[in-house]
Amino acid sequence: MSGTAEVKDERLQVRLNAEAKTVLQRAASYRHKTVSQFVLTTALAEAEKVIRENEAVSLSAADWKVFYDALSAPPAPNAALRKAFAKYQKAAG
């Protein structure tokens, strides 16, 4: 890593009531962080969790085997699939 500091020029503003601000300040103090640091690290962790939940697929061992077997030995295309592919080829040029 270089010795230069990362430039942070993006801002995010949040409006909140006094009670919410007090809760965030308390939590940040327990983590020995500023409120900005606490909110950013907590929000990023939650954002990454939400992204993983929506973009990653987890399969049991049995489901993985079914999935793998289907990819390894797919069934022959039926008439409907051949027709759809021909239609796609015609539309795609």
PDB file of N, CA and C in Angstrom:
ATOM      1  N   MET A   1       0.844  -1.183   0.000  1.00  0.00           N
ATOM      2  CA  MET A   1       0.000   0.000   0.000  1.00  0.00           C
ATOM      3  C   MET A   1       0.879   1.231   0.000  1.00  0.00           C
ATOM      4  N   SER A   2       0.497   2.228  -0.760  1.00  0.00           N
ATOM      5  CA  SER A   2       1.305   3.432  -0.834  1.00  0.00           C
ATOM      6  C   SER A   2       1.094   4.284   0.400  1.00  0.00           C
ATOM      7  N   GLY A   3       1.955   5.254   0.571  1.00  0.00           N
ATOM      8  CA  GLY A   3       1.898   6.110   1.751  1.00  0.00           C
ATOM      9  C   GLY A   3       0.904   7.244   1.620  1.00  0.00           C
ATOM     10  N   THR A   4       0.216   7.348   0.486  1.00  0.00           N
ATOM     11  CA  THR A   4      -0.744   8.437   0.310  1.00  0.00           C
ATOM     12  C   THR A   4      -2.095   8.054   0.902  1.00  0.00           C
ATOM     13  N   ALA A   5      -2.800   9.062   1.399  1.00  0.00           N
ATOM     14  CA  ALA A   5      -4.119   8.831   1.989  1.00  0.00           C
ATOM     15  C   ALA A   5      -5.159   8.694   0.883  1.00  0.00           C
ATOM     16  N   GLU A   6      -6.148   7.876   1.137  1.00  0.00           N
ATOM     17  CA  GLU A   6      -7.239   7.697   0.180  1.00  0.00           C
ATOM     18  C   GLU A   6      -8.088   8.958   0.154  1.00  0.00           C
ATOM     19  N   VAL A   7      -8.394   9.431  -1.047  1.00  0.00           N
ATOM     20  CA  VAL A   7      -9.219  10.622  -1.197  1.00  0.00           C
ATOM     21  C   VAL A   7     -10.678  10.204  -1.084  1.00  0.00           C
ATOM     22  N   LYS A   8     -11.373  10.821  -0.164  1.00  0.00           N
ATOM     23  CA  LYS A   8     -12.798  10.551   0.027  1.00  0.00           C
ATOM     24  C   LYS A   8     -13.558  11.821  -0.330  1.00  0.00           C
ATOM     25  N   ASP A   9     -14.137  11.834  -1.513  1.00  0.00           N
ATOM     26  CA  ASP A   9     -14.831  13.036  -1.931  1.00  0.00           C
ATOM     27  C   ASP A   9     -16.333  12.828  -2.128  1.00  0.00           C
ATOM     28  N   GLU A  10     -16.833  11.657  -1.796  1.00  0.00           N
ATOM     29  CA  GLU A  10     -18.267  11.389  -1.879  1.00  0.00           C
ATOM     30  C   GLU A  10     -18.907  11.627  -0.516  1.00  0.00           C
ATOM     31  N   ARG A  11     -20.125  12.139  -0.523  1.00  0.00           N
ATOM     32  CA  ARG A  11     -20.827  12.418   0.727  1.00  0.00           C
ATOM     33  C   ARG A  11     -22.182  11.722   0.720  1.00  0.00           C
ATOM     34  N   LEU A  12     -22.640  11.389   1.897  1.00  0.00           N
ATOM     35  CA  LEU A  12     -23.974  10.829   2.101  1.00  0.00           C
ATOM     36  C   LEU A  12     -24.563  11.547   3.297  1.00  0.00           C
ATOM     37  N   GLN A  13     -25.688  12.166   3.105  1.00  0.00           N
ATOM     38  CA  GLN A  13     -26.326  12.890   4.206  1.00  0.00           C
ATOM     39  C   GLN A  13     -27.574  12.147   4.641  1.00  0.00           C
ATOM     40  N   VAL A  14     -27.784  12.129   5.957  1.00  0.00           N
ATOM     41  CA  VAL A  14     -28.927  11.426   6.521  1.00  0.00           C
ATOM     42  C   VAL A  14     -29.634  12.343   7.509  1.00  0.00           C
ATOM     43  N   ARG A  15     -30.930  12.403   7.412  1.00  0.00           N
ATOM     44  CA  ARG A  15     -31.719  13.157   8.402  1.00  0.00           C
ATOM     45  C   ARG A  15     -32.264  12.157   9.408  1.00  0.00           C
ATOM     46  N   LEU A  16     -32.152  12.480  10.688  1.00  0.00           N
ATOM     47  CA  LEU A  16     -32.629  11.582  11.733  1.00  0.00           C
ATOM     48  C   LEU A  16     -33.073  12.395  12.930  1.00  0.00           C
ATOM     49  N   ASN A  17     -33.867  11.748  13.784  1.00  0.00           N
ATOM     50  CA  ASN A  17     -34.332  12.447  14.982  1.00  0.00           C
ATOM     51  C   ASN A  17     -33.268  12.363  16.075  1.00  0.00           C
ATOM     52  N   ALA A  18     -33.459  13.120  17.136  1.00  0.00           N
ATOM     53  CA  ALA A  18     -32.466  13.204  18.217  1.00  0.00           C
ATOM     54  C   ALA A  18     -32.236  11.848  18.871  1.00  0.00           C
ATOM     55  N   GLU A  19     -33.298  11.063  19.031  1.00  0.00           N
ATOM     56  CA  GLU A  19     -33.157   9.752  19.667  1.00  0.00           C
ATOM     57  C   GLU A  19     -32.278   8.821  18.836  1.00  0.00           C
ATOM     58  N   ALA A  20     -32.494   8.803  17.532  1.00  0.00           N
ATOM     59  CA  ALA A  20     -31.683   7.955  16.657  1.00  0.00           C
ATOM     60  C   ALA A  20     -30.223   8.393  16.690  1.00  0.00           C
ATOM     61  N   LYS A  21     -30.002   9.696  16.703  1.00  0.00           N
ATOM     62  CA  LYS A  21     -28.621  10.207  16.754  1.00  0.00           C
ATOM     63  C   LYS A  21     -27.948   9.793  18.058  1.00  0.00           C
ATOM     64  N   THR A  22     -28.672   9.866  19.158  1.00  0.00           N
ATOM     65  CA  THR A  22     -28.117   9.468  20.452  1.00  0.00           C
ATOM     66  C   THR A  22     -27.755   7.982  20.458  1.00  0.00           C
ATOM     67  N   VAL A  23     -28.609   7.154  19.881  1.00  0.00           N
ATOM     68  CA  VAL A  23     -28.339   5.711  19.809  1.00  0.00           C
ATOM     69  C   VAL A  23     -27.072   5.466  18.986  1.00  0.00           C
ATOM     70  N   LEU A  24     -26.951   6.129  17.857  1.00  0.00           N
ATOM     71  CA  LEU A  24     -25.763   5.958  17.021  1.00  0.00           C
ATOM     72  C   LEU A  24     -24.502   6.445  17.735  1.00  0.00           C
ATOM     73  N   GLN A  25     -24.608   7.554  18.428  1.00  0.00           N
ATOM     74  CA  GLN A  25     -23.448   8.061  19.173  1.00  0.00           C
ATOM     75  C   GLN A  25     -23.023   7.079  20.259  1.00  0.00           C
ATOM     76  N   ARG A  26     -24.001   6.524  20.972  1.00  0.00           N
ATOM     77  CA  ARG A  26     -23.687   5.542  22.019  1.00  0.00           C
ATOM     78  C   ARG A  26     -23.000   4.315  21.441  1.00  0.00           C
ATOM     79  N   ALA A  27     -23.570   3.788  20.374  1.00  0.00           N
ATOM     80  CA  ALA A  27     -22.993   2.595  19.748  1.00  0.00           C
ATOM     81  C   ALA A  27     -21.595   2.883  19.223  1.00  0.00           C
ATOM     82  N   ALA A  28     -21.411   4.021  18.590  1.00  0.00           N
ATOM     83  CA  ALA A  28     -20.089   4.389  18.064  1.00  0.00           C
ATOM     84  C   ALA A  28     -19.069   4.492  19.182  1.00  0.00           C
ATOM     85  N   SER A  29     -19.482   5.036  20.318  1.00  0.00           N
ATOM     86  CA  SER A  29     -18.534   5.175  21.435  1.00  0.00           C
ATOM     87  C   SER A  29     -18.103   3.809  21.963  1.00  0.00           C
ATOM     88  N   TYR A  30     -19.007   2.838  21.968  1.00  0.00           N
ATOM     89  CA  TYR A  30     -18.639   1.485  22.404  1.00  0.00           C
ATOM     90  C   TYR A  30     -17.609   0.851  21.465  1.00  0.00           C
ATOM     91  N   ARG A  31     -17.632   1.235  20.213  1.00  0.00           N
ATOM     92  CA  ARG A  31     -16.680   0.707  19.225  1.00  0.00           C
ATOM     93  C   ARG A  31     -15.449   1.598  19.085  1.00  0.00           C
ATOM     94  N   HIS A  32     -15.415   2.685  19.845  1.00  0.00           N
ATOM     95  CA  HIS A  32     -14.305   3.646  19.786  1.00  0.00           C
ATOM     96  C   HIS A  32     -14.134   4.207  18.375  1.00  0.00           C
ATOM     97  N   LYS A  33     -15.268   4.581  17.794  1.00  0.00           N
ATOM     98  CA  LYS A  33     -15.288   5.159  16.458  1.00  0.00           C
ATOM     99  C   LYS A  33     -16.092   6.439  16.489  1.00  0.00           C
ATOM    100  N   THR A  34     -15.900   7.265  15.457  1.00  0.00           N
ATOM    101  CA  THR A  34     -16.777   8.412  15.285  1.00  0.00           C
ATOM    102  C   THR A  34     -18.124   7.892  14.780  1.00  0.00           C
ATOM    103  N   VAL A  35     -19.130   8.727  14.866  1.00  0.00           N
ATOM    104  CA  VAL A  35     -20.446   8.316  14.352  1.00  0.00           C
ATOM    105  C   VAL A  35     -20.342   8.029  12.852  1.00  0.00           C
ATOM    106  N   SER A  36     -19.622   8.858  12.131  1.00  0.00           N
ATOM    107  CA  SER A  36     -19.455   8.631  10.684  1.00  0.00           C
ATOM    108  C   SER A  36     -18.784   7.289  10.415  1.00  0.00           C
ATOM    109  N   GLN A  37     -17.701   7.003  11.140  1.00  0.00           N
ATOM    110  CA  GLN A  37     -17.015   5.724  10.952  1.00  0.00           C
ATOM    111  C   GLN A  37     -17.936   4.555  11.283  1.00  0.00           C
ATOM    112  N   PHE A  38     -18.672   4.680  12.395  1.00  0.00           N
ATOM    113  CA  PHE A  38     -19.576   3.610  12.814  1.00  0.00           C
ATOM    114  C   PHE A  38     -20.667   3.371  11.782  1.00  0.00           C
ATOM    115  N   VAL A  39     -21.303   4.443  11.339  1.00  0.00           N
ATOM    116  CA  VAL A  39     -22.395   4.317  10.369  1.00  0.00           C
ATOM    117  C   VAL A  39     -21.867   3.731   9.060  1.00  0.00           C
ATOM    118  N   LEU A  40     -20.715   4.210   8.593  1.00  0.00           N
ATOM    119  CA  LEU A  40     -20.166   3.714   7.334  1.00  0.00           C
ATOM    120  C   LEU A  40     -19.807   2.239   7.420  1.00  0.00           C
ATOM    121  N   THR A  41     -19.071   1.829   8.451  1.00  0.00           N
ATOM    122  CA  THR A  41     -18.662   0.419   8.538  1.00  0.00           C
ATOM    123  C   THR A  41     -19.867  -0.494   8.733  1.00  0.00           C
ATOM    124  N   THR A  42     -20.823  -0.071   9.532  1.00  0.00           N
ATOM    125  CA  THR A  42     -22.017  -0.890   9.778  1.00  0.00           C
ATOM    126  C   THR A  42     -22.881  -0.985   8.524  1.00  0.00           C
ATOM    127  N   ALA A  43     -23.073   0.130   7.854  1.00  0.00           N
ATOM    128  CA  ALA A  43     -23.896   0.134   6.638  1.00  0.00           C
ATOM    129  C   ALA A  43     -23.231  -0.680   5.531  1.00  0.00           C
ATOM    130  N   LEU A  44     -21.914  -0.564   5.382  1.00  0.00           N
ATOM    131  CA  LEU A  44     -21.216  -1.344   4.359  1.00  0.00           C
ATOM    132  C   LEU A  44     -21.295  -2.841   4.640  1.00  0.00           C
ATOM    133  N   ALA A  45     -21.138  -3.221   5.898  1.00  0.00           N
ATOM    134  CA  ALA A  45     -21.233  -4.642   6.252  1.00  0.00           C
ATOM    135  C   ALA A  45     -22.626  -5.181   5.923  1.00  0.00           C
ATOM    136  N   GLU A  46     -23.647  -4.427   6.256  1.00  0.00           N
ATOM    137  CA  GLU A  46     -25.019  -4.857   5.960  1.00  0.00           C
ATOM    138  C   GLU A  46     -25.268  -4.886   4.459  1.00  0.00           C
ATOM    139  N   ALA A  47     -24.751  -3.900   3.741  1.00  0.00           N
ATOM    140  CA  ALA A  47     -24.918  -3.861   2.289  1.00  0.00           C
ATOM    141  C   ALA A  47     -24.268  -5.074   1.638  1.00  0.00           C
ATOM    142  N   GLU A  48     -23.066  -5.429   2.080  1.00  0.00           N
ATOM    143  CA  GLU A  48     -22.386  -6.600   1.529  1.00  0.00           C
ATOM    144  C   GLU A  48     -23.155  -7.877   1.838  1.00  0.00           C
ATOM    145  N   LYS A  49     -23.740  -7.957   3.023  1.00  0.00           N
ATOM    146  CA  LYS A  49     -24.545  -9.124   3.401  1.00  0.00           C
ATOM    147  C   LYS A  49     -25.768  -9.241   2.486  1.00  0.00           C
ATOM    148  N   VAL A  50     -26.455  -8.133   2.264  1.00  0.00           N
ATOM    149  CA  VAL A  50     -27.647  -8.132   1.400  1.00  0.00           C
ATOM    150  C   VAL A  50     -27.268  -8.532  -0.024  1.00  0.00           C
ATOM    151  N   ILE A  51     -26.156  -8.024  -0.511  1.00  0.00           N
ATOM    152  CA  ILE A  51     -25.705  -8.370  -1.861  1.00  0.00           C
ATOM    153  C   ILE A  51     -25.407  -9.861  -1.953  1.00  0.00           C
ATOM    154  N   ARG A  52     -24.686 -10.397  -0.959  1.00  0.00           N
ATOM    155  CA  ARG A  52     -24.384 -11.845  -0.956  1.00  0.00           C
ATOM    156  C   ARG A  52     -25.662 -12.675  -0.944  1.00  0.00           C
ATOM    157  N   GLU A  53     -26.628 -12.274  -0.116  1.00  0.00           N
ATOM    158  CA  GLU A  53     -27.891 -13.019  -0.022  1.00  0.00           C
ATOM    159  C   GLU A  53     -28.653 -13.027  -1.340  1.00  0.00           C
ATOM    160  N   ASN A  54     -28.481 -11.984  -2.129  1.00  0.00           N
ATOM    161  CA  ASN A  54     -29.248 -11.866  -3.367  1.00  0.00           C
ATOM    162  C   ASN A  54     -28.478 -12.272  -4.617  1.00  0.00           C
ATOM    163  N   GLU A  55     -27.167 -12.379  -4.517  1.00  0.00           N
ATOM    164  CA  GLU A  55     -26.380 -12.694  -5.706  1.00  0.00           C
ATOM    165  C   GLU A  55     -25.653 -14.030  -5.625  1.00  0.00           C
ATOM    166  N   ALA A  56     -25.622 -14.643  -4.476  1.00  0.00           N
ATOM    167  CA  ALA A  56     -24.928 -15.924  -4.319  1.00  0.00           C
ATOM    168  C   ALA A  56     -25.958 -17.035  -4.118  1.00  0.00           C
ATOM    169  N   VAL A  57     -25.636 -18.200  -4.632  1.00  0.00           N
ATOM    170  CA  VAL A  57     -26.513 -19.349  -4.485  1.00  0.00           C
ATOM    171  C   VAL A  57     -25.792 -20.388  -3.635  1.00  0.00           C
ATOM    172  N   SER A  58     -26.456 -20.836  -2.587  1.00  0.00           N
ATOM    173  CA  SER A  58     -25.896 -21.891  -1.740  1.00  0.00           C
ATOM    174  C   SER A  58     -26.731 -23.151  -1.926  1.00  0.00           C
ATOM    175  N   LEU A  59     -26.048 -24.245  -2.168  1.00  0.00           N
ATOM    176  CA  LEU A  59     -26.744 -25.511  -2.385  1.00  0.00           C
ATOM    177  C   LEU A  59     -26.269 -26.547  -1.383  1.00  0.00           C
ATOM    178  N   SER A  60     -27.180 -27.424  -0.987  1.00  0.00           N
ATOM    179  CA  SER A  60     -26.785 -28.565  -0.171  1.00  0.00           C
ATOM    180  C   SER A  60     -25.966 -29.510  -1.049  1.00  0.00           C
ATOM    181  N   ALA A  61     -25.319 -30.466  -0.449  1.00  0.00           N
ATOM    182  CA  ALA A  61     -24.517 -31.427  -1.219  1.00  0.00           C
ATOM    183  C   ALA A  61     -25.395 -32.174  -2.228  1.00  0.00           C
ATOM    184  N   ALA A  62     -26.590 -32.564  -1.807  1.00  0.00           N
ATOM    185  CA  ALA A  62     -27.494 -33.293  -2.707  1.00  0.00           C
ATOM    186  C   ALA A  62     -27.943 -32.403  -3.868  1.00  0.00           C
ATOM    187  N   ASP A  63     -28.300 -31.148  -3.554  1.00  0.00           N
ATOM    188  CA  ASP A  63     -28.724 -30.227  -4.610  1.00  0.00           C
ATOM    189  C   ASP A  63     -27.575 -29.910  -5.557  1.00  0.00           C
ATOM    190  N   TRP A  64     -26.355 -29.790  -5.023  1.00  0.00           N
ATOM    191  CA  TRP A  64     -25.192 -29.540  -5.871  1.00  0.00           C
ATOM    192  C   TRP A  64     -24.992 -30.684  -6.859  1.00  0.00           C
ATOM    193  N   LYS A  65     -25.163 -31.906  -6.386  1.00  0.00           N
ATOM    194  CA  LYS A  65     -24.992 -33.068  -7.263  1.00  0.00           C
ATOM    195  C   LYS A  65     -26.023 -33.046  -8.392  1.00  0.00           C
ATOM    196  N   VAL A  66     -27.268 -32.755  -8.076  1.00  0.00           N
ATOM    197  CA  VAL A  66     -28.314 -32.670  -9.103  1.00  0.00           C
ATOM    198  C   VAL A  66     -27.960 -31.580 -10.110  1.00  0.00           C
ATOM    199  N   PHE A  67     -27.545 -30.425  -9.612  1.00  0.00           N
ATOM    200  CA  PHE A  67     -27.167 -29.305 -10.482  1.00  0.00           C
ATOM    201  C   PHE A  67     -25.982 -29.676 -11.366  1.00  0.00           C
ATOM    202  N   TYR A  68     -24.950 -30.246 -10.777  1.00  0.00           N
ATOM    203  CA  TYR A  68     -23.749 -30.632 -11.515  1.00  0.00           C
ATOM    204  C   TYR A  68     -24.074 -31.689 -12.580  1.00  0.00           C
ATOM    205  N   ASP A  69     -24.864 -32.673 -12.183  1.00  0.00           N
ATOM    206  CA  ASP A  69     -25.235 -33.724 -13.134  1.00  0.00           C
ATOM    207  C   ASP A  69     -26.017 -33.150 -14.314  1.00  0.00           C
ATOM    208  N   ALA A  70     -26.905 -32.200 -14.049  1.00  0.00           N
ATOM    209  CA  ALA A  70     -27.682 -31.580 -15.121  1.00  0.00           C
ATOM    210  C   ALA A  70     -26.774 -30.801 -16.070  1.00  0.00           C
ATOM    211  N   LEU A  71     -25.745 -30.148 -15.524  1.00  0.00           N
ATOM    212  CA  LEU A  71     -24.805 -29.426 -16.385  1.00  0.00           C
ATOM    213  C   LEU A  71     -23.894 -30.374 -17.150  1.00  0.00           C
ATOM    214  N   SER A  72     -23.521 -31.462 -16.500  1.00  0.00           N
ATOM    215  CA  SER A  72     -22.580 -32.407 -17.113  1.00  0.00           C
ATOM    216  C   SER A  72     -23.221 -33.246 -18.209  1.00  0.00           C
ATOM    217  N   ALA A  73     -24.484 -33.550 -18.063  1.00  0.00           N
ATOM    218  CA  ALA A  73     -25.176 -34.393 -19.039  1.00  0.00           C
ATOM    219  C   ALA A  73     -26.563 -33.816 -19.309  1.00  0.00           C
ATOM    220  N   PRO A  74     -26.620 -32.688 -20.010  1.00  0.00           N
ATOM    221  CA  PRO A  74     -27.927 -32.069 -20.239  1.00  0.00           C
ATOM    222  C   PRO A  74     -28.779 -32.923 -21.177  1.00  0.00           C
ATOM    223  N   PRO A  75     -30.087 -32.842 -21.029  1.00  0.00           N
ATOM    224  CA  PRO A  75     -30.951 -33.598 -21.946  1.00  0.00           C
ATOM    225  C   PRO A  75     -30.861 -32.998 -23.351  1.00  0.00           C
ATOM    226  N   ALA A  76     -31.199 -33.798 -24.326  1.00  0.00           N
ATOM    227  CA  ALA A  76     -31.213 -33.324 -25.712  1.00  0.00           C
ATOM    228  C   ALA A  76     -32.292 -32.262 -25.867  1.00  0.00           C
ATOM    229  N   PRO A  77     -32.062 -31.276 -26.718  1.00  0.00           N
ATOM    230  CA  PRO A  77     -33.070 -30.232 -26.903  1.00  0.00           C
ATOM    231  C   PRO A  77     -34.363 -30.802 -27.489  1.00  0.00           C
ATOM    232  N   ASN A  78     -35.484 -30.368 -26.942  1.00  0.00           N
ATOM    233  CA  ASN A  78     -36.777 -30.818 -27.474  1.00  0.00           C
ATOM    234  C   ASN A  78     -37.237 -29.853 -28.568  1.00  0.00           C
ATOM    235  N   ALA A  79     -38.379 -30.123 -29.138  1.00  0.00           N
ATOM    236  CA  ALA A  79     -38.880 -29.319 -30.258  1.00  0.00           C
ATOM    237  C   ALA A  79     -39.099 -27.860 -29.853  1.00  0.00           C
ATOM    238  N   ALA A  80     -39.633 -27.649 -28.663  1.00  0.00           N
ATOM    239  CA  ALA A  80     -39.899 -26.275 -28.211  1.00  0.00           C
ATOM    240  C   ALA A  80     -38.595 -25.488 -28.072  1.00  0.00           C
ATOM    241  N   LEU A  81     -37.558 -26.126 -27.550  1.00  0.00           N
ATOM    242  CA  LEU A  81     -36.272 -25.441 -27.396  1.00  0.00           C
ATOM    243  C   LEU A  81     -35.656 -25.144 -28.763  1.00  0.00           C
ATOM    244  N   ARG A  82     -35.727 -26.104 -29.675  1.00  0.00           N
ATOM    245  CA  ARG A  82     -35.184 -25.881 -31.024  1.00  0.00           C
ATOM    246  C   ARG A  82     -35.922 -24.723 -31.714  1.00  0.00           C
ATOM    247  N   LYS A  83     -37.231 -24.667 -31.538  1.00  0.00           N
ATOM    248  CA  LYS A  83     -38.027 -23.595 -32.135  1.00  0.00           C
ATOM    249  C   LYS A  83     -37.651 -22.244 -31.526  1.00  0.00           C
ATOM    250  N   ALA A  84     -37.511 -22.216 -30.205  1.00  0.00           N
ATOM    251  CA  ALA A  84     -37.134 -20.959 -29.529  1.00  0.00           C
ATOM    252  C   ALA A  84     -35.755 -20.498 -29.966  1.00  0.00           C
ATOM    253  N   PHE A  85     -34.825 -21.433 -30.140  1.00  0.00           N
ATOM    254  CA  PHE A  85     -33.475 -21.076 -30.563  1.00  0.00           C
ATOM    255  C   PHE A  85     -33.481 -20.542 -31.983  1.00  0.00           C
ATOM    256  N   ALA A  86     -34.252 -21.157 -32.845  1.00  0.00           N
ATOM    257  CA  ALA A  86     -34.357 -20.681 -34.228  1.00  0.00           C
ATOM    258  C   ALA A  86     -34.946 -19.261 -34.256  1.00  0.00           C
ATOM    259  N   LYS A  87     -35.947 -19.018 -33.426  1.00  0.00           N
ATOM    260  CA  LYS A  87     -36.563 -17.700 -33.344  1.00  0.00           C
ATOM    261  C   LYS A  87     -35.539 -16.680 -32.835  1.00  0.00           C
ATOM    262  N   TYR A  88     -34.746 -17.070 -31.853  1.00  0.00           N
ATOM    263  CA  TYR A  88     -33.712 -16.174 -31.319  1.00  0.00           C
ATOM    264  C   TYR A  88     -32.673 -15.855 -32.398  1.00  0.00           C
ATOM    265  N   GLN A  89     -32.226 -16.884 -33.114  1.00  0.00           N
ATOM    266  CA  GLN A  89     -31.210 -16.675 -34.157  1.00  0.00           C
ATOM    267  C   GLN A  89     -31.726 -15.716 -35.232  1.00  0.00           C
ATOM    268  N   LYS A  90     -32.992 -15.867 -35.590  1.00  0.00           N
ATOM    269  CA  LYS A  90     -33.593 -15.001 -36.609  1.00  0.00           C
ATOM    270  C   LYS A  90     -33.644 -13.552 -36.103  1.00  0.00           C
ATOM    271  N   ALA A  91     -34.026 -13.372 -34.832  1.00  0.00           N
ATOM    272  CA  ALA A  91     -34.142 -12.021 -34.270  1.00  0.00           C
ATOM    273  C   ALA A  91     -32.769 -11.385 -34.049  1.00  0.00           C
ATOM    274  N   ALA A  92     -31.793 -12.195 -33.657  1.00  0.00           N
ATOM    275  CA  ALA A  92     -30.456 -11.682 -33.351  1.00  0.00           C
ATOM    276  C   ALA A  92     -29.639 -11.420 -34.616  1.00  0.00           C
ATOM    277  N   GLY A  93     -30.041 -12.006 -35.704  1.00  0.00           N
ATOM    278  CA  GLY A  93     -29.355 -11.775 -36.970  1.00  0.00           C
ATOM    279  C   GLY A  93     -28.245 -12.679 -37.153  1.00  0.00           C
TER     280      GLY A  93
END
